[in-house]
Amino acid sequence: MGQVNLSVTRRGQDIIELDYFNGKREKAEFNLSGKWQKNDKVNATNIAGELALKDIEYELEQLDYASIIRDSGGKLMLDLNWQGGPQDFDIANLNGELNANIDDGYLAEVSDKARIFSVLSLHSIVRKLTLDFRDIFSDGMFYKNIKGDYRVRDGVLYTDNTRMNGTAGNLYIKGNTNFTSNILDYKMSYKPNLTSSLPVIAWVTTLNPMVFLAGVALDQVITSQVVSEFNFELTGSVNDPNFKEVNRKSRDISVGRSTPPTFIDNVYNEDTQDKE
């Protein structure tokens, strides 16, 4: 933890407070405060703090993990509690709130032989999308940020708003990890940014490059069906995750040299609504 400073104070007969705990080194800083209260009615420990990392990949390497997260720093805010004193910590009794925010960077594939730290199996998502759209994700899946709020109830971590805001699309994650049984249960949705010219043109050219070139030469609009959403499930255990694609949704989109990419609405549905 590098240089460590801390202060502990007894408050009355039943409270011991951690006024502050600060661990700081070159690329990381960890701050905590909290208290342990014990009397005839209460025996509980509360801690709150912040972990700030300048380089997530570097920190995981220190723990002998290969990181799929590259060129990113981040912050983790936590407010946790459990029954008993600090020495009675038990993941099955852990409760509280967390908030994570990872700044801009990218997700990269790593060797299958590497020891990977990836509870949500982001590596599997990158690999799956790379197989489908290697022209877009060959250099990694770039993002502006990854953030989410998390609740811990009796050792189970829940999230319903984890989101990766990516350059070529956004990833949404809902579900939970049971840390007592190490069981995973997540639903994920990846939505490509189809209104961004570069990804759309890349997808259209892979479908029929000759038609694309002819359309550009004539300044015509090209209409093609592209994938608008991937849905995944992550189940199994932390040590043996089961990641699979559930389905994918498609939409018609038009690309023209003088107009930005736009979705083509279903004319039949519009006509039906007018009649009604």
C-alpha atoms as a PDB file:
ATOM      1  CA  MET A   1       0.000   0.000   0.000  1.00  0.00           C
ATOM      2  CA  GLY A   2       3.007   2.304  -0.083  1.00  0.00           C
ATOM      3  CA  GLN A   3       3.072   5.005   2.582  1.00  0.00           C
ATOM      4  CA  VAL A   4       0.375   4.389   5.208  1.00  0.00           C
ATOM      5  CA  ASN A   5      -1.085   6.824   7.739  1.00  0.00           C
ATOM      6  CA  LEU A   6      -3.925   6.094  10.115  1.00  0.00           C
ATOM      7  CA  SER A   7      -5.596   7.323  13.268  1.00  0.00           C
ATOM      8  CA  VAL A   8      -7.817   5.324  15.637  1.00  0.00           C
ATOM      9  CA  THR A   9      -9.753   6.871  18.531  1.00  0.00           C
ATOM     10  CA  ARG A  10     -11.954   5.448  21.273  1.00  0.00           C
ATOM     11  CA  ARG A  11     -15.242   7.349  21.624  1.00  0.00           C
ATOM     12  CA  GLY A  12     -16.824   6.553  24.948  1.00  0.00           C
ATOM     13  CA  GLN A  13     -17.235   2.993  26.188  1.00  0.00           C
ATOM     14  CA  ASP A  14     -18.751   1.357  23.119  1.00  0.00           C
ATOM     15  CA  ILE A  15     -17.279   2.984  19.979  1.00  0.00           C
ATOM     16  CA  ILE A  16     -13.860   2.758  18.353  1.00  0.00           C
ATOM     17  CA  GLU A  17     -13.487   5.068  15.340  1.00  0.00           C
ATOM     18  CA  LEU A  18     -11.110   4.814  12.430  1.00  0.00           C
ATOM     19  CA  ASP A  19     -10.633   8.553  11.944  1.00  0.00           C
ATOM     20  CA  TYR A  20      -8.721   7.985   8.749  1.00  0.00           C
ATOM     21  CA  PHE A  21      -6.689   5.387   6.931  1.00  0.00           C
ATOM     22  CA  ASN A  22      -4.614   6.542   3.978  1.00  0.00           C
ATOM     23  CA  GLY A  23      -2.486   4.263   1.812  1.00  0.00           C
ATOM     24  CA  LYS A  24      -0.690   6.050  -1.015  1.00  0.00           C
ATOM     25  CA  ARG A  25       1.841   5.097  -3.650  1.00  0.00           C
ATOM     26  CA  GLU A  26       2.746   6.248  -7.134  1.00  0.00           C
ATOM     27  CA  LYS A  27      -0.391   5.166  -9.040  1.00  0.00           C
ATOM     28  CA  ALA A  28      -2.949   4.452  -6.333  1.00  0.00           C
ATOM     29  CA  GLU A  29      -4.490   5.966  -3.230  1.00  0.00           C
ATOM     30  CA  PHE A  30      -6.834   4.306  -0.736  1.00  0.00           C
ATOM     31  CA  ASN A  31      -8.781   6.282   1.891  1.00  0.00           C
ATOM     32  CA  LEU A  32     -11.037   4.819   4.579  1.00  0.00           C
ATOM     33  CA  SER A  33     -12.905   5.907   7.662  1.00  0.00           C
ATOM     34  CA  GLY A  34     -15.317   4.033   9.890  1.00  0.00           C
ATOM     35  CA  LYS A  35     -16.306   2.814  13.298  1.00  0.00           C
ATOM     36  CA  TRP A  36     -16.971  -0.274  15.398  1.00  0.00           C
ATOM     37  CA  GLN A  37     -19.772  -0.018  17.903  1.00  0.00           C
ATOM     38  CA  LYS A  38     -20.405  -2.706  20.512  1.00  0.00           C
ATOM     39  CA  ASN A  39     -22.863  -2.658  23.386  1.00  0.00           C
ATOM     40  CA  ASP A  40     -25.805  -4.710  24.662  1.00  0.00           C
ATOM     41  CA  LYS A  41     -27.921  -3.797  21.617  1.00  0.00           C
ATOM     42  CA  VAL A  42     -25.420  -3.237  18.788  1.00  0.00           C
ATOM     43  CA  ASN A  43     -22.315  -4.987  17.511  1.00  0.00           C
ATOM     44  CA  ALA A  44     -21.508  -3.700  14.030  1.00  0.00           C
ATOM     45  CA  THR A  45     -18.720  -2.299  11.880  1.00  0.00           C
ATOM     46  CA  ASN A  46     -19.128   0.427   9.228  1.00  0.00           C
ATOM     47  CA  ILE A  47     -16.501   1.605   6.765  1.00  0.00           C
ATOM     48  CA  ALA A  48     -16.625   4.182   3.967  1.00  0.00           C
ATOM     49  CA  GLY A  49     -13.972   5.352   1.567  1.00  0.00           C
ATOM     50  CA  GLU A  50     -12.511   5.735  -1.881  1.00  0.00           C
ATOM     51  CA  LEU A  51     -10.013   3.818  -3.991  1.00  0.00           C
ATOM     52  CA  ALA A  52      -8.437   5.926  -6.760  1.00  0.00           C
ATOM     53  CA  LEU A  53      -6.269   4.289  -9.437  1.00  0.00           C
ATOM     54  CA  LYS A  54      -4.319   6.070 -12.156  1.00  0.00           C
ATOM     55  CA  ASP A  55      -3.632   2.857 -14.112  1.00  0.00           C
ATOM     56  CA  ILE A  56      -5.923  -0.149 -13.576  1.00  0.00           C
ATOM     57  CA  GLU A  57      -3.823  -2.417 -15.792  1.00  0.00           C
ATOM     58  CA  TYR A  58      -0.698  -1.687 -13.741  1.00  0.00           C
ATOM     59  CA  GLU A  59      -2.450  -2.391 -10.435  1.00  0.00           C
ATOM     60  CA  LEU A  60      -3.831  -5.737 -11.641  1.00  0.00           C
ATOM     61  CA  GLU A  61      -0.400  -6.729 -12.916  1.00  0.00           C
ATOM     62  CA  GLN A  62       0.908  -6.242  -9.378  1.00  0.00           C
ATOM     63  CA  LEU A  63      -1.619  -8.909  -8.318  1.00  0.00           C
ATOM     64  CA  ASP A  64      -0.436 -11.214 -11.150  1.00  0.00           C
ATOM     65  CA  TYR A  65      -3.577 -10.681 -13.260  1.00  0.00           C
ATOM     66  CA  ALA A  66      -3.759  -9.865 -16.962  1.00  0.00           C
ATOM     67  CA  SER A  67      -6.076  -6.890 -17.414  1.00  0.00           C
ATOM     68  CA  ILE A  68      -8.478  -6.584 -20.314  1.00  0.00           C
ATOM     69  CA  ILE A  69      -8.859  -2.897 -19.317  1.00  0.00           C
ATOM     70  CA  ARG A  70      -6.142  -0.741 -20.903  1.00  0.00           C
ATOM     71  CA  ASP A  71      -5.109   2.924 -20.576  1.00  0.00           C
ATOM     72  CA  SER A  72      -7.725   3.608 -17.892  1.00  0.00           C
ATOM     73  CA  GLY A  73      -7.808   4.936 -14.387  1.00  0.00           C
ATOM     74  CA  GLY A  74     -10.806   4.878 -12.125  1.00  0.00           C
ATOM     75  CA  LYS A  75     -12.467   5.459  -8.770  1.00  0.00           C
ATOM     76  CA  LEU A  76     -14.404   3.163  -6.486  1.00  0.00           C
ATOM     77  CA  MET A  77     -16.569   4.689  -3.754  1.00  0.00           C
ATOM     78  CA  LEU A  78     -17.734   2.344  -0.993  1.00  0.00           C
ATOM     79  CA  ASP A  79     -19.937   2.399   2.083  1.00  0.00           C
ATOM     80  CA  LEU A  80     -20.119  -1.053   3.702  1.00  0.00           C
ATOM     81  CA  ASN A  81     -21.161  -2.638   6.962  1.00  0.00           C
ATOM     82  CA  TRP A  82     -21.330  -6.034   8.664  1.00  0.00           C
ATOM     83  CA  GLN A  83     -22.358  -7.517  11.988  1.00  0.00           C
ATOM     84  CA  GLY A  84     -19.595  -7.885  14.554  1.00  0.00           C
ATOM     85  CA  GLY A  85     -16.208  -6.288  14.903  1.00  0.00           C
ATOM     86  CA  PRO A  86     -13.555  -5.784  12.209  1.00  0.00           C
ATOM     87  CA  GLN A  87     -12.195  -9.231  13.061  1.00  0.00           C
ATOM     88  CA  ASP A  88     -15.640 -10.757  12.394  1.00  0.00           C
ATOM     89  CA  PHE A  89     -15.730  -9.785   8.702  1.00  0.00           C
ATOM     90  CA  ASP A  90     -17.751 -12.348   6.729  1.00  0.00           C
ATOM     91  CA  ILE A  91     -18.690 -11.852   3.099  1.00  0.00           C
ATOM     92  CA  ALA A  92     -22.045 -13.569   3.740  1.00  0.00           C
ATOM     93  CA  ASN A  93     -22.992 -10.774   6.162  1.00  0.00           C
ATOM     94  CA  LEU A  94     -21.706  -7.885   4.051  1.00  0.00           C
ATOM     95  CA  ASN A  95     -24.105  -5.070   3.129  1.00  0.00           C
ATOM     96  CA  GLY A  96     -23.739  -1.615   1.631  1.00  0.00           C
ATOM     97  CA  GLU A  97     -23.343   0.479  -1.497  1.00  0.00           C
ATOM     98  CA  LEU A  98     -20.602   0.956  -4.088  1.00  0.00           C
ATOM     99  CA  ASN A  99     -20.088   3.218  -7.067  1.00  0.00           C
ATOM    100  CA  ALA A 100     -17.490   2.613  -9.787  1.00  0.00           C
ATOM    101  CA  ASN A 101     -16.329   4.985 -12.521  1.00  0.00           C
ATOM    102  CA  ILE A 102     -13.607   4.018 -15.001  1.00  0.00           C
ATOM    103  CA  ASP A 103     -12.340   6.768 -17.305  1.00  0.00           C
ATOM    104  CA  ASP A 104     -11.592   6.549 -21.033  1.00  0.00           C
ATOM    105  CA  GLY A 105      -9.581   3.651 -22.398  1.00  0.00           C
ATOM    106  CA  TYR A 106     -10.231   0.414 -24.261  1.00  0.00           C
ATOM    107  CA  LEU A 107     -10.879  -3.300 -23.788  1.00  0.00           C
ATOM    108  CA  ALA A 108      -8.356  -5.632 -25.401  1.00  0.00           C
ATOM    109  CA  GLU A 109      -8.109  -9.372 -25.895  1.00  0.00           C
ATOM    110  CA  VAL A 110      -5.565 -11.213 -23.785  1.00  0.00           C
ATOM    111  CA  SER A 111      -3.995 -14.641 -24.058  1.00  0.00           C
ATOM    112  CA  ASP A 112      -6.109 -17.626 -23.038  1.00  0.00           C
ATOM    113  CA  LYS A 113      -3.208 -18.722 -20.841  1.00  0.00           C
ATOM    114  CA  ALA A 114      -3.259 -15.481 -18.870  1.00  0.00           C
ATOM    115  CA  ARG A 115      -4.846 -15.173 -15.446  1.00  0.00           C
ATOM    116  CA  ILE A 116      -7.682 -12.744 -16.119  1.00  0.00           C
ATOM    117  CA  PHE A 117      -9.515 -10.552 -13.629  1.00  0.00           C
ATOM    118  CA  SER A 118     -12.911 -10.079 -15.259  1.00  0.00           C
ATOM    119  CA  VAL A 119     -15.924 -10.860 -13.078  1.00  0.00           C
ATOM    120  CA  LEU A 120     -18.373  -9.698 -15.740  1.00  0.00           C
ATOM    121  CA  SER A 121     -16.557 -11.537 -18.545  1.00  0.00           C
ATOM    122  CA  LEU A 122     -15.887  -8.423 -20.613  1.00  0.00           C
ATOM    123  CA  HIS A 123     -13.191 -10.451 -22.343  1.00  0.00           C
ATOM    124  CA  SER A 124     -15.847 -12.804 -23.738  1.00  0.00           C
ATOM    125  CA  ILE A 125     -17.821  -9.861 -25.116  1.00  0.00           C
ATOM    126  CA  VAL A 126     -14.777  -8.416 -26.861  1.00  0.00           C
ATOM    127  CA  ARG A 127     -13.945 -11.790 -28.371  1.00  0.00           C
ATOM    128  CA  LYS A 128     -17.516 -12.349 -29.573  1.00  0.00           C
ATOM    129  CA  LEU A 129     -17.865  -8.931 -31.209  1.00  0.00           C
ATOM    130  CA  THR A 130     -14.386  -9.168 -32.708  1.00  0.00           C
ATOM    131  CA  LEU A 131     -15.395 -12.341 -34.522  1.00  0.00           C
ATOM    132  CA  ASP A 132     -18.401 -10.565 -36.045  1.00  0.00           C
ATOM    133  CA  PHE A 133     -16.861  -7.136 -36.690  1.00  0.00           C
ATOM    134  CA  ARG A 134     -13.106  -7.524 -36.787  1.00  0.00           C
ATOM    135  CA  ASP A 135     -12.757  -4.409 -38.952  1.00  0.00           C
ATOM    136  CA  ILE A 136     -14.169  -2.296 -36.108  1.00  0.00           C
ATOM    137  CA  PHE A 137     -12.819  -4.011 -32.987  1.00  0.00           C
ATOM    138  CA  SER A 138      -9.470  -5.367 -34.215  1.00  0.00           C
ATOM    139  CA  ASP A 139      -7.589  -2.745 -32.169  1.00  0.00           C
ATOM    140  CA  GLY A 140      -9.846  -3.058 -29.131  1.00  0.00           C
ATOM    141  CA  MET A 141     -13.207  -1.797 -27.929  1.00  0.00           C
ATOM    142  CA  PHE A 142     -12.695   1.873 -27.099  1.00  0.00           C
ATOM    143  CA  TYR A 143     -14.888   3.627 -24.555  1.00  0.00           C
ATOM    144  CA  LYS A 144     -15.389   7.016 -22.939  1.00  0.00           C
ATOM    145  CA  ASN A 145     -16.190   5.539 -19.530  1.00  0.00           C
ATOM    146  CA  ILE A 146     -17.565   2.537 -17.666  1.00  0.00           C
ATOM    147  CA  LYS A 147     -19.680   3.280 -14.620  1.00  0.00           C
ATOM    148  CA  GLY A 148     -22.351   1.832 -12.399  1.00  0.00           C
ATOM    149  CA  ASP A 149     -23.955   1.688  -8.974  1.00  0.00           C
ATOM    150  CA  TYR A 150     -23.906  -1.485  -6.906  1.00  0.00           C
ATOM    151  CA  ARG A 151     -25.802  -2.767  -3.858  1.00  0.00           C
ATOM    152  CA  VAL A 152     -24.494  -5.478  -1.565  1.00  0.00           C
ATOM    153  CA  ARG A 153     -27.065  -7.490   0.383  1.00  0.00           C
ATOM    154  CA  ASP A 154     -25.914 -10.436   2.496  1.00  0.00           C
ATOM    155  CA  GLY A 155     -22.906 -11.038   0.288  1.00  0.00           C
ATOM    156  CA  VAL A 156     -24.681 -10.651  -3.077  1.00  0.00           C
ATOM    157  CA  LEU A 157     -23.637  -7.804  -5.380  1.00  0.00           C
ATOM    158  CA  TYR A 158     -26.446  -6.336  -7.515  1.00  0.00           C
ATOM    159  CA  THR A 159     -26.408  -3.804 -10.352  1.00  0.00           C
ATOM    160  CA  ASP A 160     -29.102  -2.560 -12.706  1.00  0.00           C
ATOM    161  CA  ASN A 161     -27.293   0.354 -14.355  1.00  0.00           C
ATOM    162  CA  THR A 162     -23.722  -0.633 -15.238  1.00  0.00           C
ATOM    163  CA  ARG A 163     -22.935   0.954 -18.583  1.00  0.00           C
ATOM    164  CA  MET A 164     -19.989   1.229 -20.937  1.00  0.00           C
ATOM    165  CA  ASN A 165     -20.219   4.294 -23.168  1.00  0.00           C
ATOM    166  CA  GLY A 166     -18.234   3.112 -26.166  1.00  0.00           C
ATOM    167  CA  THR A 167     -17.033   4.803 -29.318  1.00  0.00           C
ATOM    168  CA  ALA A 168     -18.698   2.187 -31.557  1.00  0.00           C
ATOM    169  CA  GLY A 169     -21.564   1.320 -29.218  1.00  0.00           C
ATOM    170  CA  ASN A 170     -22.824   1.069 -25.652  1.00  0.00           C
ATOM    171  CA  LEU A 171     -22.896  -1.934 -23.328  1.00  0.00           C
ATOM    172  CA  TYR A 172     -25.581  -2.298 -20.620  1.00  0.00           C
ATOM    173  CA  ILE A 173     -25.289  -4.768 -17.728  1.00  0.00           C
ATOM    174  CA  LYS A 174     -27.851  -5.936 -15.164  1.00  0.00           C
ATOM    175  CA  GLY A 175     -27.572  -8.797 -12.713  1.00  0.00           C
ATOM    176  CA  ASN A 176     -25.746 -10.068  -9.667  1.00  0.00           C
ATOM    177  CA  THR A 177     -22.759 -11.960  -8.301  1.00  0.00           C
ATOM    178  CA  ASN A 178     -23.240 -14.135  -5.229  1.00  0.00           C
ATOM    179  CA  PHE A 179     -19.878 -13.970  -3.458  1.00  0.00           C
ATOM    180  CA  THR A 180     -20.764 -16.737  -1.005  1.00  0.00           C
ATOM    181  CA  SER A 181     -21.471 -19.282  -3.762  1.00  0.00           C
ATOM    182  CA  ASN A 182     -19.526 -17.491  -6.560  1.00  0.00           C
ATOM    183  CA  ILE A 183     -22.588 -17.794  -8.828  1.00  0.00           C
ATOM    184  CA  LEU A 184     -23.101 -15.298 -11.673  1.00  0.00           C
ATOM    185  CA  ASP A 185     -26.431 -14.179 -13.138  1.00  0.00           C
ATOM    186  CA  TYR A 186     -26.183 -11.306 -15.643  1.00  0.00           C
ATOM    187  CA  LYS A 187     -27.999 -10.042 -18.704  1.00  0.00           C
ATOM    188  CA  MET A 188     -26.047  -7.831 -21.089  1.00  0.00           C
ATOM    189  CA  SER A 189     -27.030  -5.779 -24.088  1.00  0.00           C
ATOM    190  CA  TYR A 190     -24.624  -4.277 -26.603  1.00  0.00           C
ATOM    191  CA  LYS A 191     -26.046  -1.645 -28.955  1.00  0.00           C
ATOM    192  CA  PRO A 192     -23.783  -0.557 -31.825  1.00  0.00           C
ATOM    193  CA  ASN A 193     -23.714   3.150 -32.562  1.00  0.00           C
ATOM    194  CA  LEU A 194     -25.400   2.890 -35.947  1.00  0.00           C
ATOM    195  CA  THR A 195     -25.698   6.660 -36.357  1.00  0.00           C
ATOM    196  CA  SER A 196     -21.921   7.012 -36.388  1.00  0.00           C
ATOM    197  CA  SER A 197     -20.755   7.078 -40.002  1.00  0.00           C
ATOM    198  CA  LEU A 198     -17.585   5.027 -39.620  1.00  0.00           C
ATOM    199  CA  PRO A 199     -19.111   1.864 -38.093  1.00  0.00           C
ATOM    200  CA  VAL A 200     -22.111   1.945 -40.439  1.00  0.00           C
ATOM    201  CA  ILE A 201     -20.020   2.295 -43.574  1.00  0.00           C
ATOM    202  CA  ALA A 202     -17.698  -0.449 -42.339  1.00  0.00           C
ATOM    203  CA  TRP A 203     -20.622  -2.842 -41.828  1.00  0.00           C
ATOM    204  CA  VAL A 204     -22.206  -2.013 -45.188  1.00  0.00           C
ATOM    205  CA  THR A 205     -18.930  -2.498 -47.072  1.00  0.00           C
ATOM    206  CA  THR A 206     -18.446  -5.935 -45.524  1.00  0.00           C
ATOM    207  CA  LEU A 207     -21.913  -6.933 -46.721  1.00  0.00           C
ATOM    208  CA  ASN A 208     -21.474  -5.944 -50.368  1.00  0.00           C
ATOM    209  CA  PRO A 209     -18.474  -3.745 -51.212  1.00  0.00           C
ATOM    210  CA  MET A 210     -19.248  -3.561 -54.967  1.00  0.00           C
ATOM    211  CA  VAL A 211     -22.757  -2.228 -54.361  1.00  0.00           C
ATOM    212  CA  PHE A 212     -21.348   0.238 -51.860  1.00  0.00           C
ATOM    213  CA  LEU A 213     -18.764   1.603 -54.306  1.00  0.00           C
ATOM    214  CA  ALA A 214     -21.347   1.881 -57.084  1.00  0.00           C
ATOM    215  CA  GLY A 215     -23.712   3.717 -54.774  1.00  0.00           C
ATOM    216  CA  VAL A 216     -21.074   6.226 -53.747  1.00  0.00           C
ATOM    217  CA  ALA A 217     -20.149   6.851 -57.397  1.00  0.00           C
ATOM    218  CA  LEU A 218     -23.765   7.614 -58.276  1.00  0.00           C
ATOM    219  CA  ASP A 219     -24.421   9.497 -55.024  1.00  0.00           C
ATOM    220  CA  GLN A 220     -27.288   7.153 -54.273  1.00  0.00           C
ATOM    221  CA  VAL A 221     -28.597   6.005 -50.922  1.00  0.00           C
ATOM    222  CA  ILE A 222     -27.741   2.430 -49.986  1.00  0.00           C
ATOM    223  CA  THR A 223     -30.151   0.540 -47.763  1.00  0.00           C
ATOM    224  CA  SER A 224     -28.939  -2.474 -45.825  1.00  0.00           C
ATOM    225  CA  GLN A 225     -29.907  -4.492 -42.775  1.00  0.00           C
ATOM    226  CA  VAL A 226     -27.438  -4.220 -39.898  1.00  0.00           C
ATOM    227  CA  VAL A 227     -27.317  -5.557 -36.365  1.00  0.00           C
ATOM    228  CA  SER A 228     -28.770  -3.003 -33.947  1.00  0.00           C
ATOM    229  CA  GLU A 229     -28.489  -4.953 -30.664  1.00  0.00           C
ATOM    230  CA  PHE A 230     -26.774  -8.027 -29.229  1.00  0.00           C
ATOM    231  CA  ASN A 231     -28.155  -9.713 -26.103  1.00  0.00           C
ATOM    232  CA  PHE A 232     -25.989 -11.921 -23.904  1.00  0.00           C
ATOM    233  CA  GLU A 233     -26.341 -13.954 -20.727  1.00  0.00           C
ATOM    234  CA  LEU A 234     -23.589 -14.650 -18.224  1.00  0.00           C
ATOM    235  CA  THR A 235     -24.283 -17.481 -15.795  1.00  0.00           C
ATOM    236  CA  GLY A 236     -22.290 -20.235 -14.115  1.00  0.00           C
ATOM    237  CA  SER A 237     -19.603 -19.491 -11.549  1.00  0.00           C
ATOM    238  CA  VAL A 238     -16.780 -16.986 -11.265  1.00  0.00           C
ATOM    239  CA  ASN A 239     -14.255 -19.781 -11.928  1.00  0.00           C
ATOM    240  CA  ASP A 240     -16.311 -21.395 -14.698  1.00  0.00           C
ATOM    241  CA  PRO A 241     -18.494 -18.716 -16.345  1.00  0.00           C
ATOM    242  CA  ASN A 242     -21.018 -19.594 -19.038  1.00  0.00           C
ATOM    243  CA  PHE A 243     -21.241 -16.751 -21.556  1.00  0.00           C
ATOM    244  CA  LYS A 244     -23.579 -17.008 -24.512  1.00  0.00           C
ATOM    245  CA  GLU A 245     -25.342 -14.845 -27.057  1.00  0.00           C
ATOM    246  CA  VAL A 246     -29.113 -15.064 -26.603  1.00  0.00           C
ATOM    247  CA  ASN A 247     -30.235 -13.165 -29.679  1.00  0.00           C
ATOM    248  CA  ARG A 248     -29.496 -10.232 -31.940  1.00  0.00           C
ATOM    249  CA  LYS A 249     -31.831  -7.624 -33.387  1.00  0.00           C
ATOM    250  CA  SER A 250     -31.556  -6.024 -36.822  1.00  0.00           C
ATOM    251  CA  ARG A 251     -32.755  -2.782 -38.390  1.00  0.00           C
ATOM    252  CA  ASP A 252     -32.697  -1.327 -41.867  1.00  0.00           C
ATOM    253  CA  ILE A 253     -30.410   1.655 -42.271  1.00  0.00           C
ATOM    254  CA  SER A 254     -29.600   3.900 -45.211  1.00  0.00           C
ATOM    255  CA  VAL A 255     -26.189   5.354 -46.026  1.00  0.00           C
ATOM    256  CA  GLY A 256     -25.659   8.006 -48.688  1.00  0.00           C
ATOM    257  CA  ARG A 257     -22.738  10.243 -49.545  1.00  0.00           C
ATOM    258  CA  SER A 258     -24.726  13.454 -49.083  1.00  0.00           C
ATOM    259  CA  THR A 259     -26.804  12.338 -46.085  1.00  0.00           C
ATOM    260  CA  PRO A 260     -25.901  10.943 -42.663  1.00  0.00           C
ATOM    261  CA  PRO A 261     -26.833   7.324 -41.815  1.00  0.00           C
ATOM    262  CA  THR A 262     -30.494   7.050 -40.858  1.00  0.00           C
ATOM    263  CA  PHE A 263     -32.839   4.266 -39.770  1.00  0.00           C
ATOM    264  CA  ILE A 264     -35.555   3.169 -42.219  1.00  0.00           C
ATOM    265  CA  ASP A 265     -38.895   2.889 -40.426  1.00  0.00           C
ATOM    266  CA  ASN A 266     -41.275   0.068 -41.195  1.00  0.00           C
ATOM    267  CA  VAL A 267     -43.704   1.555 -43.757  1.00  0.00           C
ATOM    268  CA  TYR A 268     -46.212  -1.246 -43.218  1.00  0.00           C
ATOM    269  CA  ASN A 269     -46.554  -0.418 -39.527  1.00  0.00           C
ATOM    270  CA  GLU A 270     -47.030   3.290 -40.308  1.00  0.00           C
ATOM    271  CA  ASP A 271     -49.771   2.535 -42.833  1.00  0.00           C
ATOM    272  CA  THR A 272     -51.495   0.250 -40.339  1.00  0.00           C
ATOM    273  CA  GLN A 273     -51.432   2.932 -37.656  1.00  0.00           C
ATOM    274  CA  ASP A 274     -52.877   5.521 -40.070  1.00  0.00           C
ATOM    275  CA  LYS A 275     -55.783   3.235 -40.903  1.00  0.00           C
ATOM    276  CA  GLU A 276     -56.493   2.685 -37.231  1.00  0.00           C
END
